[in-house]
Amino acid sequence: MIARKAGKMTVEEAGRRGGEATSSIHGRGFYEEIGQKGGAARRGQLGREGYSALGRKGGEATSVKHGSGFYAEIGRKGGETVSRNREHMSQIGRKGGEARAERGAEHRGRERQ
């Protein structure tokens, strides 16, 4: 931390105190609202292609920083977490079975033609 002169605040301390004051006055909803507005403005600036490029750069930077095994590890952890939810697994299994049955019926219908 930067040393400060007697009676003077650092920029960091002033920012923190200002943020705390704003938070106590306006509450969480204020930050959600300005976040939504900022996100909409940024979306207008970047567009679909811009977000795609931004995501690609972020993914590449993460890969360089953590290595390719990082993605395998977080995928495994996520899969374990999702698989603990038996109701969810049952629902997606049922949907998959129904979709497969529909594709099979369509395929059998084409064979008969």
C-alpha atoms as a PDB file:
ATOM      1  CA  MET A   1       0.000   0.000   0.000  1.00  0.00           C
ATOM      2  CA  ILE A   2       1.193   3.515  -0.733  1.00  0.00           C
ATOM      3  CA  ALA A   3       2.174   5.618   2.269  1.00  0.00           C
ATOM      4  CA  ARG A   4       0.014   8.670   2.782  1.00  0.00           C
ATOM      5  CA  LYS A   5       0.558  12.066   4.258  1.00  0.00           C
ATOM      6  CA  ALA A   6      -1.149  12.897   7.527  1.00  0.00           C
ATOM      7  CA  GLY A   7      -4.818  13.643   6.915  1.00  0.00           C
ATOM      8  CA  LYS A   8      -4.727  12.652   3.236  1.00  0.00           C
ATOM      9  CA  MET A   9      -6.380   9.617   1.671  1.00  0.00           C
ATOM     10  CA  THR A  10      -4.856   7.480  -1.039  1.00  0.00           C
ATOM     11  CA  VAL A  11      -6.768   7.179  -4.304  1.00  0.00           C
ATOM     12  CA  GLU A  12      -7.461   3.538  -3.439  1.00  0.00           C
ATOM     13  CA  GLU A  13      -8.922   4.440  -0.055  1.00  0.00           C
ATOM     14  CA  ALA A  14     -11.012   7.265  -1.514  1.00  0.00           C
ATOM     15  CA  GLY A  15     -12.409   4.915  -4.151  1.00  0.00           C
ATOM     16  CA  ARG A  16     -13.246   2.250  -1.602  1.00  0.00           C
ATOM     17  CA  ARG A  17     -14.959   4.731   0.717  1.00  0.00           C
ATOM     18  CA  GLY A  18     -16.881   6.291  -2.167  1.00  0.00           C
ATOM     19  CA  GLY A  19     -18.037   2.867  -3.322  1.00  0.00           C
ATOM     20  CA  GLU A  20     -19.181   1.958   0.176  1.00  0.00           C
ATOM     21  CA  ALA A  21     -21.102   5.244   0.480  1.00  0.00           C
ATOM     22  CA  THR A  22     -22.781   4.729  -2.903  1.00  0.00           C
ATOM     23  CA  SER A  23     -23.672   1.171  -1.961  1.00  0.00           C
ATOM     24  CA  SER A  24     -25.271   2.208   1.322  1.00  0.00           C
ATOM     25  CA  ILE A  25     -27.296   4.954  -0.385  1.00  0.00           C
ATOM     26  CA  HIS A  26     -28.452   3.149  -3.541  1.00  0.00           C
ATOM     27  CA  GLY A  27     -28.304  -0.558  -2.704  1.00  0.00           C
ATOM     28  CA  ARG A  28     -27.789  -3.633  -4.861  1.00  0.00           C
ATOM     29  CA  GLY A  29     -30.460  -2.746  -7.424  1.00  0.00           C
ATOM     30  CA  PHE A  30     -28.509   0.339  -8.441  1.00  0.00           C
ATOM     31  CA  TYR A  31     -25.470  -1.725  -9.372  1.00  0.00           C
ATOM     32  CA  GLU A  32     -27.625  -4.251 -11.234  1.00  0.00           C
ATOM     33  CA  GLU A  33     -29.275  -1.461 -13.219  1.00  0.00           C
ATOM     34  CA  ILE A  34     -26.039   0.270 -14.217  1.00  0.00           C
ATOM     35  CA  GLY A  35     -24.526  -3.128 -15.055  1.00  0.00           C
ATOM     36  CA  GLN A  36     -27.438  -3.856 -17.397  1.00  0.00           C
ATOM     37  CA  LYS A  37     -27.066  -0.451 -19.048  1.00  0.00           C
ATOM     38  CA  GLY A  38     -23.320  -0.886 -19.437  1.00  0.00           C
ATOM     39  CA  GLY A  39     -23.755  -4.375 -20.862  1.00  0.00           C
ATOM     40  CA  ALA A  40     -26.298  -3.145 -23.400  1.00  0.00           C
ATOM     41  CA  ALA A  41     -24.005  -0.295 -24.458  1.00  0.00           C
ATOM     42  CA  ARG A  42     -21.042  -2.657 -24.825  1.00  0.00           C
ATOM     43  CA  ARG A  43     -23.156  -5.131 -26.791  1.00  0.00           C
ATOM     44  CA  GLY A  44     -24.013  -2.288 -29.181  1.00  0.00           C
ATOM     45  CA  GLN A  45     -20.323  -1.429 -29.574  1.00  0.00           C
ATOM     46  CA  LEU A  46     -19.023  -4.943 -30.119  1.00  0.00           C
ATOM     47  CA  GLY A  47     -21.843  -6.749 -31.882  1.00  0.00           C
ATOM     48  CA  ARG A  48     -21.871 -10.510 -32.389  1.00  0.00           C
ATOM     49  CA  GLU A  49     -18.482 -10.673 -34.123  1.00  0.00           C
ATOM     50  CA  GLY A  50     -16.834  -8.529 -31.466  1.00  0.00           C
ATOM     51  CA  TYR A  51     -18.071 -10.759 -28.643  1.00  0.00           C
ATOM     52  CA  SER A  52     -16.930 -13.810 -30.557  1.00  0.00           C
ATOM     53  CA  ALA A  53     -13.422 -12.360 -30.957  1.00  0.00           C
ATOM     54  CA  LEU A  54     -13.351 -11.295 -27.315  1.00  0.00           C
ATOM     55  CA  GLY A  55     -14.322 -14.779 -26.157  1.00  0.00           C
ATOM     56  CA  ARG A  56     -11.732 -16.389 -28.415  1.00  0.00           C
ATOM     57  CA  LYS A  57      -8.988 -14.130 -27.043  1.00  0.00           C
ATOM     58  CA  GLY A  58     -10.053 -14.887 -23.483  1.00  0.00           C
ATOM     59  CA  GLY A  59     -10.062 -18.615 -24.154  1.00  0.00           C
ATOM     60  CA  GLU A  60      -6.614 -18.466 -25.716  1.00  0.00           C
ATOM     61  CA  ALA A  61      -5.234 -16.445 -22.800  1.00  0.00           C
ATOM     62  CA  THR A  62      -6.725 -18.913 -20.311  1.00  0.00           C
ATOM     63  CA  SER A  63      -5.258 -21.835 -22.225  1.00  0.00           C
ATOM     64  CA  VAL A  64      -1.797 -20.248 -22.212  1.00  0.00           C
ATOM     65  CA  LYS A  65      -2.033 -19.395 -18.519  1.00  0.00           C
ATOM     66  CA  HIS A  66      -3.470 -22.711 -17.256  1.00  0.00           C
ATOM     67  CA  GLY A  67      -2.656 -25.241 -19.975  1.00  0.00           C
ATOM     68  CA  SER A  68      -4.986 -27.530 -21.896  1.00  0.00           C
ATOM     69  CA  GLY A  69      -5.555 -29.824 -18.904  1.00  0.00           C
ATOM     70  CA  PHE A  70      -7.367 -26.965 -17.186  1.00  0.00           C
ATOM     71  CA  TYR A  71     -10.381 -27.340 -19.477  1.00  0.00           C
ATOM     72  CA  ALA A  72     -10.500 -31.095 -18.934  1.00  0.00           C
ATOM     73  CA  GLU A  73     -10.408 -30.595 -15.174  1.00  0.00           C
ATOM     74  CA  ILE A  74     -13.165 -27.974 -15.036  1.00  0.00           C
ATOM     75  CA  GLY A  75     -15.274 -30.045 -17.425  1.00  0.00           C
ATOM     76  CA  ARG A  76     -14.885 -33.102 -15.198  1.00  0.00           C
ATOM     77  CA  LYS A  77     -15.796 -31.107 -12.084  1.00  0.00           C
ATOM     78  CA  GLY A  78     -18.823 -29.589 -13.809  1.00  0.00           C
ATOM     79  CA  GLY A  79     -19.972 -32.994 -15.031  1.00  0.00           C
ATOM     80  CA  GLU A  80     -19.685 -34.445 -11.543  1.00  0.00           C
ATOM     81  CA  THR A  81     -21.709 -31.588 -10.094  1.00  0.00           C
ATOM     82  CA  VAL A  82     -24.452 -31.864 -12.704  1.00  0.00           C
ATOM     83  CA  SER A  83     -24.640 -35.648 -12.417  1.00  0.00           C
ATOM     84  CA  ARG A  84     -25.413 -35.386  -8.685  1.00  0.00           C
ATOM     85  CA  ASN A  85     -28.762 -33.828  -9.612  1.00  0.00           C
ATOM     86  CA  ARG A  86     -30.737 -37.004 -10.326  1.00  0.00           C
ATOM     87  CA  GLU A  87     -33.911 -35.177 -11.352  1.00  0.00           C
ATOM     88  CA  HIS A  88     -31.983 -33.186 -13.967  1.00  0.00           C
ATOM     89  CA  MET A  89     -30.237 -36.314 -15.267  1.00  0.00           C
ATOM     90  CA  SER A  90     -33.587 -38.076 -15.538  1.00  0.00           C
ATOM     91  CA  GLN A  91     -35.084 -35.180 -17.492  1.00  0.00           C
ATOM     92  CA  ILE A  92     -32.230 -34.897 -19.987  1.00  0.00           C
ATOM     93  CA  GLY A  93     -32.142 -38.680 -20.419  1.00  0.00           C
ATOM     94  CA  ARG A  94     -35.859 -38.706 -21.173  1.00  0.00           C
ATOM     95  CA  LYS A  95     -35.479 -35.843 -23.678  1.00  0.00           C
ATOM     96  CA  GLY A  96     -32.586 -37.614 -25.368  1.00  0.00           C
ATOM     97  CA  GLY A  97     -34.551 -40.848 -25.620  1.00  0.00           C
ATOM     98  CA  GLU A  98     -37.541 -39.052 -27.108  1.00  0.00           C
ATOM     99  CA  ALA A  99     -35.373 -37.243 -29.654  1.00  0.00           C
ATOM    100  CA  ARG A 100     -33.690 -40.480 -30.637  1.00  0.00           C
ATOM    101  CA  ALA A 101     -37.044 -42.206 -31.032  1.00  0.00           C
ATOM    102  CA  GLU A 102     -38.281 -39.375 -33.268  1.00  0.00           C
ATOM    103  CA  ARG A 103     -35.160 -39.564 -35.442  1.00  0.00           C
ATOM    104  CA  GLY A 104     -35.575 -43.314 -35.701  1.00  0.00           C
ATOM    105  CA  ALA A 105     -39.210 -42.937 -36.782  1.00  0.00           C
ATOM    106  CA  GLU A 106     -38.225 -40.355 -39.403  1.00  0.00           C
ATOM    107  CA  HIS A 107     -35.468 -42.632 -40.669  1.00  0.00           C
ATOM    108  CA  ARG A 108     -37.801 -45.635 -40.867  1.00  0.00           C
ATOM    109  CA  GLY A 109     -40.363 -43.468 -42.725  1.00  0.00           C
ATOM    110  CA  ARG A 110     -37.771 -42.528 -45.364  1.00  0.00           C
ATOM    111  CA  GLU A 111     -36.787 -46.173 -45.846  1.00  0.00           C
ATOM    112  CA  ARG A 112     -40.378 -47.100 -46.694  1.00  0.00           C
ATOM    113  CA  GLN A 113     -40.656 -44.467 -49.428  1.00  0.00           C
END
